[in-house]
Amino acid sequence: METYSPAHAGQALTLAALDEAFAAWIASSPTDVDLINGTINAIGMAFGSTLIEGLGLKWVIATDDQGSDLAVYGYPGQGDVLIYPANFVAKRWQRREVNFLEESYRQLEGDITKLRDSHASKHFWKF
């Protein structure tokens, strides 16, 4: 944050600040592979933490045909939400997409609310 979004350094982390820092970082055209991987992981973990705090998900190690990775998961049996935050950020890095974290959170929040409401209505008995 200090380097790519100094106005937000030392403040509570927000998705808007992360979006700004990520955009500035991409604009710097980084080439160091270790720095790129570290930044993608750091942004991904911050995004995952926001999903946990705001949407009631939890950290898990998820395994699929690609292997095992850190993910956030929630709502078992109600939609089984599973997100790989670092992979989510890495795909945007590959496309050089910016300003996606805040909007993605809003979309996920809306989708999860619909899942919860749909599940609750299926189990609500009217007499």
Protein backbone atom coordinates (compact mmCIF):
# COMPACT_ATOMS: atom_id res chain seq x y z
CA MET A 1 0.00 0.00 0.00
CA GLU A 2 2.82 2.38 0.82
CA THR A 3 4.27 2.10 -2.66
CA TYR A 4 1.21 1.78 -4.89
CA SER A 5 -1.53 3.51 -2.90
CA PRO A 6 0.21 5.76 -0.36
CA ALA A 7 -2.99 7.64 0.49
CA HIS A 8 -4.32 4.39 2.02
CA ALA A 9 -1.15 3.33 3.85
CA GLY A 10 -1.67 2.87 7.57
CA GLN A 11 -5.46 2.82 7.22
CA ALA A 12 -7.93 -0.02 7.48
CA LEU A 13 -7.71 -2.14 4.34
CA THR A 14 -10.59 -1.71 1.90
CA LEU A 15 -11.31 -3.30 -1.44
CA ALA A 16 -11.29 0.15 -3.06
CA ALA A 17 -7.74 0.70 -1.75
CA LEU A 18 -6.69 -2.76 -2.94
CA ASP A 19 -8.18 -2.06 -6.38
CA GLU A 20 -6.21 1.19 -6.55
CA ALA A 21 -2.96 -0.41 -5.42
CA PHE A 22 -3.35 -3.37 -7.81
CA ALA A 23 -4.01 -1.03 -10.76
CA ALA A 24 -0.93 1.06 -9.92
CA TRP A 25 1.16 -2.08 -9.51
CA ILE A 26 0.07 -3.43 -12.92
CA ALA A 27 0.81 -0.04 -14.47
CA SER A 28 4.38 -0.35 -13.15
CA SER A 29 4.84 -3.37 -15.49
CA PRO A 30 6.49 -5.71 -12.96
CA THR A 31 8.65 -8.50 -14.38
CA ASP A 32 10.13 -10.19 -11.30
CA VAL A 33 8.33 -13.54 -11.05
CA ASP A 34 8.72 -13.80 -7.27
CA LEU A 35 7.33 -10.28 -6.81
CA ILE A 36 4.43 -11.03 -9.13
CA ASN A 37 3.54 -14.26 -7.30
CA GLY A 38 3.91 -12.62 -3.90
CA THR A 39 1.71 -9.67 -4.86
CA ILE A 40 -0.97 -11.89 -6.38
CA ASN A 41 -1.00 -14.03 -3.22
CA ALA A 42 -1.12 -10.98 -0.93
CA ILE A 43 -4.01 -9.39 -2.83
CA GLY A 44 -5.77 -12.77 -3.00
CA MET A 45 -5.44 -13.35 0.73
CA ALA A 46 -6.72 -9.86 1.49
CA PHE A 47 -9.69 -10.46 -0.83
CA GLY A 48 -10.34 -13.85 0.79
CA SER A 49 -10.24 -12.28 4.26
CA THR A 50 -12.81 -9.72 3.15
CA LEU A 51 -15.06 -12.50 1.86
CA ILE A 52 -14.75 -14.30 5.20
CA GLU A 53 -15.46 -11.22 7.30
CA GLY A 54 -18.32 -9.94 5.18
CA LEU A 55 -19.98 -13.03 3.74
CA GLY A 56 -19.53 -15.66 6.41
CA LEU A 57 -17.15 -17.91 4.49
CA LYS A 58 -14.17 -19.71 6.03
CA TRP A 59 -10.65 -20.66 4.99
CA VAL A 60 -10.20 -24.25 3.77
CA ILE A 61 -7.70 -26.29 1.84
CA ALA A 62 -9.63 -27.42 -1.22
CA THR A 63 -8.52 -30.25 -3.47
CA ASP A 64 -9.57 -30.78 -7.07
CA ASP A 65 -8.01 -32.29 -10.19
CA GLN A 66 -5.49 -29.40 -10.26
CA GLY A 67 -4.23 -30.17 -6.73
CA SER A 68 -4.73 -28.51 -3.35
CA ASP A 69 -4.91 -24.80 -2.65
CA LEU A 70 -6.12 -22.32 -0.07
CA ALA A 71 -9.74 -21.34 -0.70
CA VAL A 72 -12.74 -19.80 1.01
CA TYR A 73 -15.85 -21.91 1.43
CA GLY A 74 -19.31 -21.61 2.85
CA TYR A 75 -22.98 -22.49 2.72
CA PRO A 76 -22.65 -26.27 2.50
CA GLY A 77 -25.81 -27.79 1.10
CA GLN A 78 -27.11 -24.32 0.22
CA GLY A 79 -24.99 -23.67 -2.83
CA ASP A 80 -21.55 -24.76 -1.66
CA VAL A 81 -19.70 -21.52 -2.38
CA LEU A 82 -16.00 -22.18 -3.09
CA ILE A 83 -13.60 -19.46 -4.21
CA TYR A 84 -9.84 -19.63 -4.73
CA PRO A 85 -8.91 -15.99 -4.00
CA ALA A 86 -5.29 -16.10 -5.22
CA ASN A 87 -6.37 -17.83 -8.44
CA PHE A 88 -9.16 -15.26 -8.78
CA VAL A 89 -6.56 -12.47 -8.70
CA ALA A 90 -4.05 -14.36 -10.88
CA LYS A 91 -6.57 -14.67 -13.71
CA ARG A 92 -7.14 -10.91 -13.61
CA TRP A 93 -3.37 -10.34 -13.60
CA GLN A 94 -3.07 -12.43 -16.76
CA ARG A 95 -5.67 -10.22 -18.47
CA ARG A 96 -4.23 -7.07 -16.82
CA GLU A 97 -7.74 -6.40 -15.51
CA VAL A 98 -8.02 -3.74 -12.84
CA ASN A 99 -10.68 -2.39 -10.48
CA PHE A 100 -12.44 -5.73 -10.06
CA LEU A 101 -12.25 -6.51 -6.33
CA GLU A 102 -14.94 -4.16 -5.04
CA GLU A 103 -17.36 -5.00 -7.87
CA SER A 104 -16.68 -8.75 -7.57
CA TYR A 105 -17.42 -8.59 -3.85
CA ARG A 106 -20.77 -6.88 -4.52
CA GLN A 107 -21.67 -9.50 -7.14
CA LEU A 108 -20.72 -12.36 -4.82
CA GLU A 109 -22.67 -10.76 -1.97
CA GLY A 110 -25.77 -10.55 -4.18
CA ASP A 111 -25.38 -14.14 -5.41
CA ILE A 112 -24.87 -15.48 -1.89
CA THR A 113 -27.88 -13.54 -0.59
CA LYS A 114 -30.00 -15.11 -3.34
CA LEU A 115 -28.68 -18.57 -2.41
CA ARG A 116 -29.49 -18.06 1.27
CA ASP A 117 -32.94 -16.64 0.52
CA SER A 118 -33.72 -19.46 -1.92
CA HIS A 119 -32.64 -22.10 0.58
CA ALA A 120 -34.59 -20.46 3.41
CA SER A 121 -37.78 -20.26 1.33
CA LYS A 122 -37.57 -23.96 0.48
CA HIS A 123 -37.55 -24.80 4.18
CA PHE A 124 -40.19 -22.36 5.33
CA TRP A 125 -43.53 -24.00 6.00
CA LYS A 126 -46.67 -21.91 5.65
CA PHE A 127 -49.77 -23.01 7.55
